[in-house]
Protein backbone atom coordinates (compact mmCIF):
# COMPACT_ATOMS: atom_id res chain seq x y z
CA UNK A 1 15.32 134.98 101.21
CA UNK A 2 13.43 135.83 104.37
CA UNK A 3 10.56 133.53 105.19
CA UNK A 4 8.67 136.19 107.15
CA UNK A 5 5.22 136.85 105.69
CA UNK A 6 2.81 139.65 106.55
CA UNK A 7 -0.24 137.49 105.82
CA UNK A 8 -1.37 135.15 108.60
CA UNK A 9 -3.90 132.41 109.19
CA UNK A 10 -7.39 133.85 109.60
CA UNK A 11 -6.80 136.99 107.50
CA UNK A 12 -9.36 137.87 104.82
CA UNK A 13 -7.56 138.19 101.50
CA UNK A 14 -8.45 139.08 97.91
CA UNK A 15 -6.84 137.29 94.95
CA UNK A 16 -5.18 139.90 92.71
CA UNK A 17 -3.74 137.62 90.00
CA UNK A 18 -4.42 134.25 88.38
CA UNK A 19 -7.47 132.24 87.40
CA UNK A 20 -9.33 133.12 90.61
CA UNK A 21 -8.68 136.87 90.39
CA UNK A 22 -11.26 138.87 92.35
CA UNK A 23 -12.24 136.07 94.70
CA UNK A 24 -11.95 136.57 98.44
CA UNK A 25 -11.63 134.18 101.33
CA UNK A 26 -10.02 133.46 104.67
CA UNK A 27 -6.47 132.13 104.91
CA UNK A 28 -6.74 128.54 106.13
CA UNK A 29 -3.00 127.86 106.31
CA UNK A 30 0.19 129.85 105.83
CA UNK A 31 3.36 128.14 104.55
CA UNK A 32 6.21 130.61 105.20
CA UNK A 33 8.97 128.27 103.99
CA UNK A 34 7.48 128.29 100.47
CA UNK A 35 5.91 131.79 100.74
CA UNK A 36 2.47 130.32 99.98
CA UNK A 37 -1.00 130.45 101.55
CA UNK A 38 -4.09 128.24 101.32
CA UNK A 39 -7.23 130.35 100.86
CA UNK A 40 -10.77 129.06 101.40
CA UNK A 41 -12.56 128.50 98.07
CA UNK A 42 -9.60 129.59 95.92
CA UNK A 43 -7.51 127.37 93.59
CA UNK A 44 -9.74 124.33 94.14
CA UNK A 45 -8.27 121.15 92.63
CA UNK A 46 -9.61 117.61 92.32
CA UNK A 47 -7.68 114.68 93.74
CA UNK A 48 -8.47 111.05 92.91
CA UNK A 49 -7.99 109.11 96.14
CA UNK A 50 -7.94 105.41 96.92
CA UNK A 51 -10.18 104.15 99.69
CA UNK A 52 -8.44 103.58 103.01
CA UNK A 53 -9.48 102.39 106.45
CA UNK A 54 -10.65 105.87 107.46
CA UNK A 55 -11.88 107.43 104.20
CA UNK A 56 -13.87 106.28 101.23
CA UNK A 57 -12.25 106.68 97.83
CA UNK A 58 -13.36 108.93 95.01
CA UNK A 59 -12.77 112.39 93.67
CA UNK A 60 -12.06 114.87 96.48
CA UNK A 61 -12.03 118.63 95.96
CA UNK A 62 -9.65 120.67 98.10
CA UNK A 63 -7.87 124.00 98.06
CA UNK A 64 -4.29 124.12 96.78
CA UNK A 65 -1.80 126.75 97.86
CA UNK A 66 -1.37 130.12 96.13
CA UNK A 67 1.79 132.22 96.15
CA UNK A 68 1.61 135.08 98.64
CA UNK A 69 2.34 137.65 95.89
CA UNK A 70 -0.98 136.79 94.22
CA UNK A 71 -3.11 137.79 97.22
CA UNK A 72 -3.61 141.03 99.14
CA UNK A 73 -5.21 141.62 102.52
CA UNK A 74 -8.66 143.22 102.45
CA UNK A 75 -8.56 146.66 104.07
CA UNK A 76 -10.72 146.60 107.24
CA UNK A 77 -12.07 150.10 106.49
CA UNK A 78 -12.62 150.16 102.69
CA UNK A 79 -12.73 146.39 102.01
CA UNK A 80 -10.36 146.84 99.03
CA UNK A 81 -6.96 145.13 98.51
CA UNK A 82 -4.12 146.79 100.40
CA UNK A 83 -0.47 146.32 101.23
CA UNK A 84 0.58 145.68 104.81
CA UNK A 85 2.90 147.83 106.89
CA UNK A 86 4.38 147.41 110.34
CA UNK A 87 4.07 150.10 112.99
CA UNK A 88 5.82 150.06 116.37
CA UNK A 89 3.97 151.38 119.39
CA UNK A 90 5.56 153.23 122.31
CA UNK A 91 5.75 150.05 124.41
CA UNK A 92 7.68 148.26 121.62
CA UNK A 93 4.89 146.02 120.31
CA UNK A 94 4.50 145.68 116.55
CA UNK A 95 1.12 146.18 114.84
CA UNK A 96 0.18 145.39 111.26
CA UNK A 97 -1.52 148.32 109.51
CA UNK A 98 -3.24 148.70 106.14
CA UNK A 99 -1.25 151.01 103.86
CA UNK A 100 -4.42 152.17 102.07
CA UNK A 101 -6.28 153.53 105.13
CA UNK A 102 -3.82 153.31 108.02
CA UNK A 103 -6.26 151.08 109.91
CA UNK A 104 -4.91 148.42 112.30
CA UNK A 105 -5.25 144.87 110.91
CA UNK A 106 -4.27 142.83 113.98
CA UNK A 107 -7.08 141.31 115.95
């Protein structure tokens, strides 16, 4: 299976399936090898940690990863979930576009 993902760090995504369906947030980390992304404020889990030299112990809340199939990029024009397409320009560069509106996603 290809490990290439069309969702990158910094993209605004909307959760389309699972317990956090409807939530939106920025992608904090992309994990192409597992086809997963970590989204800000989505799939928050609690970890019980021991105290160490640098951190105090206790219950720490952090975001766990979500499979890339459960999120969709927010369309820059309509702000609704959309699929991502690739368009080649005349000079050979590749741009990501929103399938819903045709708007360019790349920053």
